[in-house]
């Protein structure tokens, strides 16, 4: 059949007399609210939205929050892994040392890497109803990205670090994970007339044997929870990395990139969306909350409280002996640590000696041979935080870097 024949064979609806009944029409006053209208974006609109989304990731910022408050976390045990188990024990031992060895310092934990250390300190204060200790613990949100921000001095003053506070005799201790203390040094250099009122303590400080070095002490009591041979090895050259695995624990927010002054005058750290670094670990407020609840449960167990009390007494006794100038009694105390509980006792003795040569200057110093151990990789050096100390350190670092580059070429 041709197209013309098909057209002729179609019935003429207009000429027929047959009528078709239509359903009754009803008027409604309202349109159903559950009616979903589908809207299709054009190709141009889709491209525009994609470009706006990418620009948002690059240039938009989000307010940096301090993360969940550990003091509001309920003690609750959660399934754990080896990394977190070792970290909890290392944090307990580290805080026992910091609290007692720096009794007259306000302690600033550099957010975010040292946040869990600071939160451990807050839990200790909460357990013991120790309001003065709670008031000594602070979190400082300074990163390499915002070190040159023009609002940094105002932010430091807001957080309690100012010339006025220093003139009143305040002392500040910065705690970070590692390696050379670039952020503490940058802040200290802003107050050159008050260098003696600043100290810094790192989890891992680069020893003298490597190309770069730190004038700050390390924390072997933390690393020994990860590796039993930690006190007897070169902590950077022996593949005994504890800083990077620790940094991989979940975080509740991104690293801060700059500061923003709100209309009420408060300065808040800001982070760019999409600025996550591969070293940051997973960004998950939910998992961070789990860590805080588990930390509360761990620290409140009877075994850990007994251990914490014992460690604090040992560190407090050692500090008081140093303060009194009783060198023979202190040597006896450190020797007992080594023989009573190795390897942690050795780690404690090495940590004290390193502090004795860096942060605890004056009175007297103890050498490794006086307590019967080898110097190993002790971070004992002559570079102190004096007027030219920071510039001298930078000059040595630059020279070492140039030499290393020449060797490679």
Foldseek 3Di string as FASTA:
>chain_A
DDPVVVVVPDDDPVPDPDDDDDDDDDDDDDDDPPDDDDDDDDPVRVVVVVVVVVVQLVPPWDFDDPFDQLVPFAADADDDDLLLVLQLQLLLLVLLQVCQQCVQAQEEEEPDLCVVSLSLQCLVCVVVVPVVSNVSGHYDQDDPQALVAPCVQVQCVVRPDDPVNVVVPHAYEYEEADEACPPQLSVLVVPLVRLLRYAYEHQYYQAPVDLATHLHFHQQLSLCSVPQCSLVARCVPPPSDSSQSSQQQEAQDARFRHWDQDPVGDITTMHRRPPHDPSNHHHDSVSVSNSSSNSSNVCPDPVNVVVSVVSSVLSNVLSVCQVVLVVVVNLVSLLCLCVVDPPSSVSVSLRVQLCDQAVVDDSDHDDPVSSPDDCHRRRHDDQYSHNCSVVVSVVSSVVSVVVVVVVVD
